[in-house]
Every structure is written in structure tokens, then in C-alpha cells.
Amino acid sequence: MSTLLGPLHVQDAGPADGPVALLWPSLFSDGETSWSTQLAGLHELGWRTLLVDPPGTGGSASASRRFTMEECGEAALQVLDDAAVDRAALLGLSWGGFVALRVALIAPHRVTALVLSNTSARGVGLFERLRVRMTSLLIRIGVPGGPGRLVAAQMFSRHSRRHDSASVHKFAETVDNLDTVGLVRAVRSVLGDRSDVVNVLHRITAPSLVIVGAEDKALPQNPHSDDLAHRIADARLVVLPRVAHLAPCEEPTKVAALIKEFLTPLG
């Protein structure tokens, strides 16, 4: 599908006449790697899914420039337009949550619900920008053995790394196969340039489920998920033990149950 970020690959699946869920993954990940464990459950509930590969992942070409989270939100709306969808639930993991929040702020009338997993409404401070630049430099010059192993170690909890090595290995492989130039642009855009929307979260009225891992060091519950839960009216916060930054991958069964309970009344 053509968007202002360039062509994006979108997997359109599930009941054609069902309510629609748009799923956007984490940074360092394509749609399948972040969200594949949740698709069958959504389809069984009768939901049609639009699974997005962000720029430079899966079947989508790398972005030709750096981009804003607001532009990602507009791209998500273009995906809905191209799919002839008026309203959708937005399921976002990390980067996907940044996007979902922007859609809810840009076009609230098009959002039926939000599932915000391991994400934040906060912008980026000077120290974090400097750290992102260093990370980008390491990716650009190359990491021995590829960056996947190092990224996965930060994204998965110790329990997940010990007991679900297959998922950890798959995630690391996905990272290692990403286009380096496109990945650097995405890292700078998503981690280094994103705007702060904390003070406008009260404008979001869509039913919202906030999920976070108790061991998430990338975007820990305090302050990130707490911001969302406290500032979005009636948002529900769920903290998953022994989970780090990739809740749908690390606890697929629990996350599926949470999403089913949350979305069933909305279907």
C-alpha cells in the first residue's frame, strides 16, 4: 500500500466482514515477528486484521528519509483508507504504540479501541538522543556477529531467554536481516526524534488496554505505562511478570486472553 512513508506491505487476513484491527509492531521487527501469535485468536473472535510491516521490515522498503511519529500515524490512516476501512482498533507494540497514540489524536473518530503494549507517550531527552546516536553508529559500522543478539538481550526478559530460545533466536535473525541504512533511519526516527504527547493524552476517549512487562527496561512501567493508564480516561493497566519489552511474544497466551477479554464487547 502506498503511504507518505513509501510503500508498506500489509497482510490483510481474517473475516472480510468483521470489525478491523490494525497491528503495528516494535522497532527491530516486522509485523509477523511481533504479532503473529495473536492473529489466530483475533480471527476466531471474528476480527479482520491488517498487519503492517513498517518501513525497512518484512515486505516494506526502507524509508528514504527520517520520519516523525505523526507521519507514521498518517501512514496508518492511509492503510485504513486503502483497505476501505472507516474505523479500527489499533494494536501497537512499542513503536506501534507510538503510532496508535498519534492516530487516536489525529483522527479519534476512526479509532474503536487501543491496545498499547510496552510503549510510551513521552518524548526524548538529550541523554537519550545521545545514546540513540551511539546505537545508530554501532549499527552503521557493524557489530561482530550482527546486532540481533545484542538487541534481543535487551528486549526479552531473562526468563524468556532461558525458556523460549526459539522466539529470541527468531527475533535476533529478523534484526540481523534488516537493511542497515533503513534500520539506522528508523532507530533515529523512532527512538531519537519522537515528540511528547503526554499532556494531550486526556483527549483520547477510545477504550484502552495498556500492557507492560514488569522487567521492561526499554520503556518501564514507571513512568511510561503509568502515564498512559493515568491520563487516558478509564484505561486499564496490566503488568505481566517475567516479561520485558515484547509482551505479545513473551507471553502470547496471556496477551491473547487479555485482548480477547478487552475486544469481545467491541466486536
C-alpha atoms as a PDB file:
ATOM      1  CA  MET A   1       0.000   0.000   0.000  1.00  0.00           C
ATOM      2  CA  SER A   2       1.289   3.464  -0.903  1.00  0.00           C
ATOM      3  CA  THR A   3       1.814   5.858   2.029  1.00  0.00           C
ATOM      4  CA  LEU A   4       3.807   9.004   2.725  1.00  0.00           C
ATOM      5  CA  LEU A   5       6.477   6.739   4.244  1.00  0.00           C
ATOM      6  CA  GLY A   6       6.681   4.833   0.964  1.00  0.00           C
ATOM      7  CA  PRO A   7       5.022   1.536   0.019  1.00  0.00           C
ATOM      8  CA  LEU A   8       4.114  -0.549   3.066  1.00  0.00           C
ATOM      9  CA  HIS A   9       3.395  -4.256   2.958  1.00  0.00           C
ATOM     10  CA  VAL A  10       0.144  -5.052   4.797  1.00  0.00           C
ATOM     11  CA  GLN A  11      -1.173  -8.556   5.425  1.00  0.00           C
ATOM     12  CA  ASP A  12      -4.964  -8.432   5.234  1.00  0.00           C
ATOM     13  CA  ALA A  13      -6.483 -11.550   6.823  1.00  0.00           C
ATOM     14  CA  GLY A  14      -9.423 -12.868   8.801  1.00  0.00           C
ATOM     15  CA  PRO A  15     -13.166 -12.466   8.226  1.00  0.00           C
ATOM     16  CA  ALA A  16     -13.678  -9.889   5.485  1.00  0.00           C
ATOM     17  CA  ASP A  17     -16.859  -8.540   7.078  1.00  0.00           C
ATOM     18  CA  GLY A  18     -15.598  -8.439  10.672  1.00  0.00           C
ATOM     19  CA  PRO A  19     -14.531  -5.472  12.779  1.00  0.00           C
ATOM     20  CA  VAL A  20     -10.983  -4.420  11.910  1.00  0.00           C
ATOM     21  CA  ALA A  21      -7.791  -4.406  13.949  1.00  0.00           C
ATOM     22  CA  LEU A  22      -4.646  -2.720  12.610  1.00  0.00           C
ATOM     23  CA  LEU A  23      -1.464  -4.087  14.173  1.00  0.00           C
ATOM     24  CA  TRP A  24       1.874  -2.230  14.082  1.00  0.00           C
ATOM     25  CA  PRO A  25       4.995  -3.909  15.513  1.00  0.00           C
ATOM     26  CA  SER A  26       8.012  -2.959  17.574  1.00  0.00           C
ATOM     27  CA  LEU A  27      11.169  -1.395  16.239  1.00  0.00           C
ATOM     28  CA  PHE A  28      13.642  -4.061  15.015  1.00  0.00           C
ATOM     29  CA  SER A  29      10.693  -6.216  13.981  1.00  0.00           C
ATOM     30  CA  ASP A  30       8.300  -6.922  11.142  1.00  0.00           C
ATOM     31  CA  GLY A  31       4.597  -7.499  11.695  1.00  0.00           C
ATOM     32  CA  GLU A  32       4.832 -11.284  11.848  1.00  0.00           C
ATOM     33  CA  THR A  33       7.638 -11.345  14.404  1.00  0.00           C
ATOM     34  CA  SER A  34       5.828  -9.029  16.815  1.00  0.00           C
ATOM     35  CA  TRP A  35       2.195 -10.040  16.343  1.00  0.00           C
ATOM     36  CA  SER A  36       1.878 -13.468  14.667  1.00  0.00           C
ATOM     37  CA  THR A  37       0.935 -15.213  17.923  1.00  0.00           C
ATOM     38  CA  GLN A  38      -2.149 -13.005  18.247  1.00  0.00           C
ATOM     39  CA  LEU A  39      -3.626 -13.299  14.760  1.00  0.00           C
ATOM     40  CA  ALA A  40      -5.423 -16.647  15.117  1.00  0.00           C
ATOM     41  CA  GLY A  41      -7.179 -15.507  18.279  1.00  0.00           C
ATOM     42  CA  LEU A  42      -8.342 -12.296  16.651  1.00  0.00           C
ATOM     43  CA  HIS A  43      -9.646 -14.190  13.632  1.00  0.00           C
ATOM     44  CA  GLU A  44     -11.512 -16.637  15.885  1.00  0.00           C
ATOM     45  CA  LEU A  45     -13.164 -13.644  17.540  1.00  0.00           C
ATOM     46  CA  GLY A  46     -14.342 -12.564  14.093  1.00  0.00           C
ATOM     47  CA  TRP A  47     -11.880  -9.720  13.600  1.00  0.00           C
ATOM     48  CA  ARG A  48     -10.258  -8.833  10.296  1.00  0.00           C
ATOM     49  CA  THR A  49      -6.587  -7.939  10.758  1.00  0.00           C
ATOM     50  CA  LEU A  50      -4.348  -5.510   8.906  1.00  0.00           C
ATOM     51  CA  LEU A  51      -0.792  -6.449   9.890  1.00  0.00           C
ATOM     52  CA  VAL A  52       1.710  -3.755   8.945  1.00  0.00           C
ATOM     53  CA  ASP A  53       5.379  -4.195   8.085  1.00  0.00           C
ATOM     54  CA  PRO A  54       6.869  -0.781   8.931  1.00  0.00           C
ATOM     55  CA  PRO A  55       9.481   0.828   6.669  1.00  0.00           C
ATOM     56  CA  GLY A  56      12.516  -1.395   6.180  1.00  0.00           C
ATOM     57  CA  THR A  57      10.972  -4.578   7.604  1.00  0.00           C
ATOM     58  CA  GLY A  58       9.276  -7.629   6.126  1.00  0.00           C
ATOM     59  CA  GLY A  59       7.913  -6.775   2.704  1.00  0.00           C
ATOM     60  CA  SER A  60       8.254  -2.993   3.089  1.00  0.00           C
ATOM     61  CA  ALA A  61      11.101  -0.981   1.585  1.00  0.00           C
ATOM     62  CA  SER A  62      13.254   1.191   3.812  1.00  0.00           C
ATOM     63  CA  ALA A  63      12.230   4.805   4.255  1.00  0.00           C
ATOM     64  CA  SER A  64      14.188   7.237   2.082  1.00  0.00           C
ATOM     65  CA  ARG A  65      14.471   9.721   4.957  1.00  0.00           C
ATOM     66  CA  ARG A  66      13.889  10.084   8.663  1.00  0.00           C
ATOM     67  CA  PHE A  67      10.263  10.447   9.684  1.00  0.00           C
ATOM     68  CA  THR A  68       8.056  11.521  12.577  1.00  0.00           C
ATOM     69  CA  MET A  69       5.600   9.511  14.626  1.00  0.00           C
ATOM     70  CA  GLU A  70       2.886  11.842  13.361  1.00  0.00           C
ATOM     71  CA  GLU A  71       3.775  10.813   9.818  1.00  0.00           C
ATOM     72  CA  CYS A  72       3.552   7.183  10.915  1.00  0.00           C
ATOM     73  CA  GLY A  73       0.073   7.919  12.233  1.00  0.00           C
ATOM     74  CA  GLU A  74      -0.907   9.427   8.888  1.00  0.00           C
ATOM     75  CA  ALA A  75       0.533   6.357   7.134  1.00  0.00           C
ATOM     76  CA  ALA A  76      -1.600   4.089   9.329  1.00  0.00           C
ATOM     77  CA  LEU A  77      -4.662   6.097   8.307  1.00  0.00           C
ATOM     78  CA  GLN A  78      -3.660   5.689   4.656  1.00  0.00           C
ATOM     79  CA  VAL A  79      -3.523   1.917   5.230  1.00  0.00           C
ATOM     80  CA  LEU A  80      -7.100   2.058   6.538  1.00  0.00           C
ATOM     81  CA  ASP A  81      -8.181   4.180   3.575  1.00  0.00           C
ATOM     82  CA  ASP A  82      -6.615   1.789   1.064  1.00  0.00           C
ATOM     83  CA  ALA A  83      -8.366  -1.111   2.792  1.00  0.00           C
ATOM     84  CA  ALA A  84     -11.702   0.787   2.697  1.00  0.00           C
ATOM     85  CA  VAL A  85     -11.912   0.743   6.495  1.00  0.00           C
ATOM     86  CA  ASP A  86     -13.631   3.593   8.306  1.00  0.00           C
ATOM     87  CA  ARG A  87     -12.803   2.612  11.894  1.00  0.00           C
ATOM     88  CA  ALA A  88     -10.405   0.153  13.508  1.00  0.00           C
ATOM     89  CA  ALA A  89      -8.907  -0.972  16.764  1.00  0.00           C
ATOM     90  CA  LEU A  90      -5.206  -0.111  16.891  1.00  0.00           C
ATOM     91  CA  LEU A  91      -2.864  -2.679  18.435  1.00  0.00           C
ATOM     92  CA  GLY A  92       0.630  -1.310  18.875  1.00  0.00           C
ATOM     93  CA  LEU A  93       3.770  -2.813  20.358  1.00  0.00           C
ATOM     94  CA  SER A  94       6.411  -0.230  21.344  1.00  0.00           C
ATOM     95  CA  TRP A  95       6.815   1.721  18.041  1.00  0.00           C
ATOM     96  CA  GLY A  96       3.316   0.513  17.212  1.00  0.00           C
ATOM     97  CA  GLY A  97       2.039   2.129  20.392  1.00  0.00           C
ATOM     98  CA  PHE A  98       3.636   5.434  19.423  1.00  0.00           C
ATOM     99  CA  VAL A  99       1.753   5.180  16.135  1.00  0.00           C
ATOM    100  CA  ALA A 100      -1.545   4.149  17.712  1.00  0.00           C
ATOM    101  CA  LEU A 101      -1.469   7.146  20.047  1.00  0.00           C
ATOM    102  CA  ARG A 102      -0.921   9.518  17.116  1.00  0.00           C
ATOM    103  CA  VAL A 103      -3.823   8.018  15.183  1.00  0.00           C
ATOM    104  CA  ALA A 104      -6.065   8.394  18.223  1.00  0.00           C
ATOM    105  CA  LEU A 105      -5.051  12.051  18.497  1.00  0.00           C
ATOM    106  CA  ILE A 106      -5.126  12.873  14.771  1.00  0.00           C
ATOM    107  CA  ALA A 107      -8.373  11.060  13.934  1.00  0.00           C
ATOM    108  CA  PRO A 108     -10.201   9.943  17.093  1.00  0.00           C
ATOM    109  CA  HIS A 109     -13.382   9.210  15.128  1.00  0.00           C
ATOM    110  CA  ARG A 110     -11.564   6.386  13.331  1.00  0.00           C
ATOM    111  CA  VAL A 111     -10.390   4.509  16.431  1.00  0.00           C
ATOM    112  CA  THR A 112     -12.630   1.970  18.145  1.00  0.00           C
ATOM    113  CA  ALA A 113     -10.083   0.845  20.744  1.00  0.00           C
ATOM    114  CA  LEU A 114      -6.385   0.902  21.647  1.00  0.00           C
ATOM    115  CA  VAL A 115      -4.133  -1.921  22.808  1.00  0.00           C
ATOM    116  CA  LEU A 116      -0.899  -0.236  23.890  1.00  0.00           C
ATOM    117  CA  SER A 117       1.825  -2.741  24.673  1.00  0.00           C
ATOM    118  CA  ASN A 118       5.231  -1.749  26.074  1.00  0.00           C
ATOM    119  CA  THR A 119       5.025   1.802  24.812  1.00  0.00           C
ATOM    120  CA  SER A 120       5.101   5.451  25.828  1.00  0.00           C
ATOM    121  CA  ALA A 121       3.707   8.913  25.191  1.00  0.00           C
ATOM    122  CA  ARG A 122       6.945  10.613  26.259  1.00  0.00           C
ATOM    123  CA  GLY A 123       9.398  12.403  24.048  1.00  0.00           C
ATOM    124  CA  VAL A 124      13.150  12.028  24.142  1.00  0.00           C
ATOM    125  CA  GLY A 125      15.623  13.894  26.330  1.00  0.00           C
ATOM    126  CA  LEU A 126      19.166  14.968  25.459  1.00  0.00           C
ATOM    127  CA  PHE A 127      20.864  11.975  27.120  1.00  0.00           C
ATOM    128  CA  GLU A 128      18.615   9.516  25.302  1.00  0.00           C
ATOM    129  CA  ARG A 129      19.249  11.272  21.986  1.00  0.00           C
ATOM    130  CA  LEU A 130      22.985  10.911  22.504  1.00  0.00           C
ATOM    131  CA  ARG A 131      22.571   7.231  23.330  1.00  0.00           C
ATOM    132  CA  VAL A 132      20.470   6.713  20.205  1.00  0.00           C
ATOM    133  CA  ARG A 133      23.177   8.335  18.087  1.00  0.00           C
ATOM    134  CA  MET A 134      25.752   5.964  19.558  1.00  0.00           C
ATOM    135  CA  THR A 135      23.480   2.985  18.867  1.00  0.00           C
ATOM    136  CA  SER A 136      22.973   4.165  15.306  1.00  0.00           C
ATOM    137  CA  LEU A 137      26.715   4.491  14.826  1.00  0.00           C
ATOM    138  CA  LEU A 138      27.313   0.950  16.075  1.00  0.00           C
ATOM    139  CA  ILE A 139      24.687  -0.393  13.685  1.00  0.00           C
ATOM    140  CA  ARG A 140      26.185   1.566  10.785  1.00  0.00           C
ATOM    141  CA  ILE A 141      29.796   0.424  11.331  1.00  0.00           C
ATOM    142  CA  GLY A 142      28.717  -3.141  12.110  1.00  0.00           C
ATOM    143  CA  VAL A 143      28.578  -5.321  15.199  1.00  0.00           C
ATOM    144  CA  PRO A 144      30.550  -8.588  15.156  1.00  0.00           C
ATOM    145  CA  GLY A 145      28.062 -11.370  14.579  1.00  0.00           C
ATOM    146  CA  GLY A 146      25.314  -8.859  13.823  1.00  0.00           C
ATOM    147  CA  PRO A 147      23.284  -6.632  16.162  1.00  0.00           C
ATOM    148  CA  GLY A 148      20.433  -9.127  16.633  1.00  0.00           C
ATOM    149  CA  ARG A 149      21.881 -10.955  19.594  1.00  0.00           C
ATOM    150  CA  LEU A 150      22.563  -7.726  21.490  1.00  0.00           C
ATOM    151  CA  VAL A 151      19.143  -6.242  20.695  1.00  0.00           C
ATOM    152  CA  ALA A 152      17.315  -9.439  21.726  1.00  0.00           C
ATOM    153  CA  ALA A 153      19.162  -9.478  25.051  1.00  0.00           C
ATOM    154  CA  GLN A 154      17.683  -6.045  25.798  1.00  0.00           C
ATOM    155  CA  MET A 155      14.177  -6.835  24.538  1.00  0.00           C
ATOM    156  CA  PHE A 156      13.496 -10.201  26.187  1.00  0.00           C
ATOM    157  CA  SER A 157      13.460 -10.988  29.894  1.00  0.00           C
ATOM    158  CA  ARG A 158      15.933 -13.448  31.391  1.00  0.00           C
ATOM    159  CA  HIS A 159      13.097 -15.952  31.812  1.00  0.00           C
ATOM    160  CA  SER A 160      12.154 -15.659  28.143  1.00  0.00           C
ATOM    161  CA  ARG A 161      15.765 -16.046  27.027  1.00  0.00           C
ATOM    162  CA  ARG A 162      16.079 -19.215  29.088  1.00  0.00           C
ATOM    163  CA  HIS A 163      12.741 -20.850  28.312  1.00  0.00           C
ATOM    164  CA  ASP A 164      11.822 -19.627  24.816  1.00  0.00           C
ATOM    165  CA  SER A 165      15.082 -19.515  22.935  1.00  0.00           C
ATOM    166  CA  ALA A 166      13.263 -20.116  19.622  1.00  0.00           C
ATOM    167  CA  SER A 167      11.431 -16.784  19.823  1.00  0.00           C
ATOM    168  CA  VAL A 168      14.587 -14.995  20.928  1.00  0.00           C
ATOM    169  CA  HIS A 169      16.548 -16.520  18.038  1.00  0.00           C
ATOM    170  CA  LYS A 170      13.816 -15.614  15.538  1.00  0.00           C
ATOM    171  CA  PHE A 171      13.803 -12.040  16.737  1.00  0.00           C
ATOM    172  CA  ALA A 172      17.607 -11.802  16.542  1.00  0.00           C
ATOM    173  CA  GLU A 173      17.550 -13.200  12.994  1.00  0.00           C
ATOM    174  CA  THR A 174      14.955 -10.614  11.985  1.00  0.00           C
ATOM    175  CA  VAL A 175      17.188  -7.819  13.283  1.00  0.00           C
ATOM    176  CA  ASP A 176      20.262  -9.185  11.506  1.00  0.00           C
ATOM    177  CA  ASN A 177      18.386  -9.357   8.191  1.00  0.00           C
ATOM    178  CA  LEU A 178      17.220  -5.725   8.239  1.00  0.00           C
ATOM    179  CA  ASP A 179      18.699  -3.227   5.819  1.00  0.00           C
ATOM    180  CA  THR A 180      21.376  -1.336   7.763  1.00  0.00           C
ATOM    181  CA  VAL A 181      20.708   2.104   6.283  1.00  0.00           C
ATOM    182  CA  GLY A 182      16.958   1.752   6.750  1.00  0.00           C
ATOM    183  CA  LEU A 183      17.409   0.481  10.302  1.00  0.00           C
ATOM    184  CA  VAL A 184      19.573   3.448  11.234  1.00  0.00           C
ATOM    185  CA  ARG A 185      16.924   5.839   9.885  1.00  0.00           C
ATOM    186  CA  ALA A 186      14.221   4.023  11.828  1.00  0.00           C
ATOM    187  CA  VAL A 187      16.232   3.992  15.060  1.00  0.00           C
ATOM    188  CA  ARG A 188      16.941   7.713  14.798  1.00  0.00           C
ATOM    189  CA  SER A 189      13.288   8.461  13.966  1.00  0.00           C
ATOM    190  CA  VAL A 190      11.570   6.194  16.479  1.00  0.00           C
ATOM    191  CA  LEU A 191      13.970   6.393  19.413  1.00  0.00           C
ATOM    192  CA  GLY A 192      15.637   9.754  18.922  1.00  0.00           C
ATOM    193  CA  ASP A 193      13.161  12.125  17.332  1.00  0.00           C
ATOM    194  CA  ARG A 194       9.701  11.284  18.643  1.00  0.00           C
ATOM    195  CA  SER A 195       7.575  14.056  20.080  1.00  0.00           C
ATOM    196  CA  ASP A 196       5.991  14.186  23.538  1.00  0.00           C
ATOM    197  CA  VAL A 197       2.209  13.726  23.710  1.00  0.00           C
ATOM    198  CA  VAL A 198       1.800  13.131  27.448  1.00  0.00           C
ATOM    199  CA  ASN A 199      -0.048  16.387  28.020  1.00  0.00           C
ATOM    200  CA  VAL A 200      -2.700  15.656  25.389  1.00  0.00           C
ATOM    201  CA  LEU A 201      -3.486  12.067  26.391  1.00  0.00           C
ATOM    202  CA  HIS A 202      -6.665  13.302  28.092  1.00  0.00           C
ATOM    203  CA  ARG A 203      -8.064  13.926  24.602  1.00  0.00           C
ATOM    204  CA  ILE A 204      -8.110  10.187  23.883  1.00  0.00           C
ATOM    205  CA  THR A 205     -11.554   8.710  24.512  1.00  0.00           C
ATOM    206  CA  ALA A 206     -11.215   5.271  22.907  1.00  0.00           C
ATOM    207  CA  PRO A 207     -11.325   2.269  25.262  1.00  0.00           C
ATOM    208  CA  SER A 208      -7.690   1.489  26.047  1.00  0.00           C
ATOM    209  CA  LEU A 209      -5.794  -1.535  27.329  1.00  0.00           C
ATOM    210  CA  VAL A 210      -2.220  -0.856  28.469  1.00  0.00           C
ATOM    211  CA  ILE A 211       0.133  -3.840  28.776  1.00  0.00           C
ATOM    212  CA  VAL A 212       3.680  -3.733  30.121  1.00  0.00           C
ATOM    213  CA  GLY A 213       6.310  -6.215  31.247  1.00  0.00           C
ATOM    214  CA  ALA A 214       7.453  -5.970  34.845  1.00  0.00           C
ATOM    215  CA  GLU A 215      11.043  -6.278  33.580  1.00  0.00           C
ATOM    216  CA  ASP A 216      10.771  -3.853  30.659  1.00  0.00           C
ATOM    217  CA  LYS A 217      13.946  -1.771  30.828  1.00  0.00           C
ATOM    218  CA  ALA A 218      13.452  -0.051  27.466  1.00  0.00           C
ATOM    219  CA  LEU A 219      10.140   1.598  28.453  1.00  0.00           C
ATOM    220  CA  PRO A 220       9.475   0.667  32.087  1.00  0.00           C
ATOM    221  CA  GLN A 221       6.064   0.891  33.679  1.00  0.00           C
ATOM    222  CA  ASN A 222       7.098   3.910  35.719  1.00  0.00           C
ATOM    223  CA  PRO A 223       6.777   6.392  34.108  1.00  0.00           C
ATOM    224  CA  HIS A 224       5.740   5.227  30.626  1.00  0.00           C
ATOM    225  CA  SER A 225       2.780   2.870  31.071  1.00  0.00           C
ATOM    226  CA  ASP A 226       1.702   4.714  34.201  1.00  0.00           C
ATOM    227  CA  ASP A 227       1.385   7.887  32.099  1.00  0.00           C
ATOM    228  CA  LEU A 228      -0.967   6.097  29.720  1.00  0.00           C
ATOM    229  CA  ALA A 229      -3.045   4.439  32.422  1.00  0.00           C
ATOM    230  CA  HIS A 230      -3.443   7.588  34.499  1.00  0.00           C
ATOM    231  CA  ARG A 231      -4.045  10.105  31.724  1.00  0.00           C
ATOM    232  CA  ILE A 232      -6.263   8.173  29.279  1.00  0.00           C
ATOM    233  CA  ALA A 233      -9.771   8.022  30.724  1.00  0.00           C
ATOM    234  CA  ASP A 234     -10.697   4.567  32.052  1.00  0.00           C
ATOM    235  CA  ALA A 235      -7.596   2.914  30.609  1.00  0.00           C
ATOM    236  CA  ARG A 236      -6.809  -0.488  32.088  1.00  0.00           C
ATOM    237  CA  LEU A 237      -3.199  -1.294  33.018  1.00  0.00           C
ATOM    238  CA  VAL A 238      -1.908  -4.882  33.160  1.00  0.00           C
ATOM    239  CA  VAL A 239       1.638  -5.640  34.335  1.00  0.00           C
ATOM    240  CA  LEU A 240       2.977  -9.043  33.294  1.00  0.00           C
ATOM    241  CA  PRO A 241       5.636 -10.670  35.491  1.00  0.00           C
ATOM    242  CA  ARG A 242       8.782 -12.214  33.952  1.00  0.00           C
ATOM    243  CA  VAL A 243       8.207 -10.182  30.798  1.00  0.00           C
ATOM    244  CA  ALA A 244      10.414  -7.447  29.346  1.00  0.00           C
ATOM    245  CA  HIS A 245       9.748  -5.353  26.221  1.00  0.00           C
ATOM    246  CA  LEU A 246       7.917  -7.792  23.924  1.00  0.00           C
ATOM    247  CA  ALA A 247       4.823  -8.920  25.797  1.00  0.00           C
ATOM    248  CA  PRO A 248       2.914 -10.425  22.812  1.00  0.00           C
ATOM    249  CA  CYS A 249       5.962 -12.578  22.013  1.00  0.00           C
ATOM    250  CA  GLU A 250       6.982 -13.428  25.580  1.00  0.00           C
ATOM    251  CA  GLU A 251       3.526 -14.214  26.982  1.00  0.00           C
ATOM    252  CA  PRO A 252       1.404 -14.921  23.886  1.00  0.00           C
ATOM    253  CA  THR A 253      -1.287 -16.887  25.728  1.00  0.00           C
ATOM    254  CA  LYS A 254      -1.792 -14.304  28.459  1.00  0.00           C
ATOM    255  CA  VAL A 255      -1.777 -11.424  25.989  1.00  0.00           C
ATOM    256  CA  ALA A 256      -4.254 -13.251  23.754  1.00  0.00           C
ATOM    257  CA  ALA A 257      -6.582 -13.720  26.733  1.00  0.00           C
ATOM    258  CA  LEU A 258      -6.295 -10.041  27.648  1.00  0.00           C
ATOM    259  CA  ILE A 259      -7.025  -8.939  24.087  1.00  0.00           C
ATOM    260  CA  LYS A 260      -9.990 -11.341  23.838  1.00  0.00           C
ATOM    261  CA  GLU A 261     -11.499 -10.058  27.092  1.00  0.00           C
ATOM    262  CA  PHE A 262     -10.937  -6.452  26.021  1.00  0.00           C
ATOM    263  CA  LEU A 263     -12.156  -6.649  22.424  1.00  0.00           C
ATOM    264  CA  THR A 264     -15.056  -9.095  22.753  1.00  0.00           C
ATOM    265  CA  PRO A 265     -17.584  -6.443  23.881  1.00  0.00           C
ATOM    266  CA  LEU A 266     -16.452  -4.228  20.990  1.00  0.00           C
ATOM    267  CA  GLY A 267     -16.773  -6.762  18.176  1.00  0.00           C
END
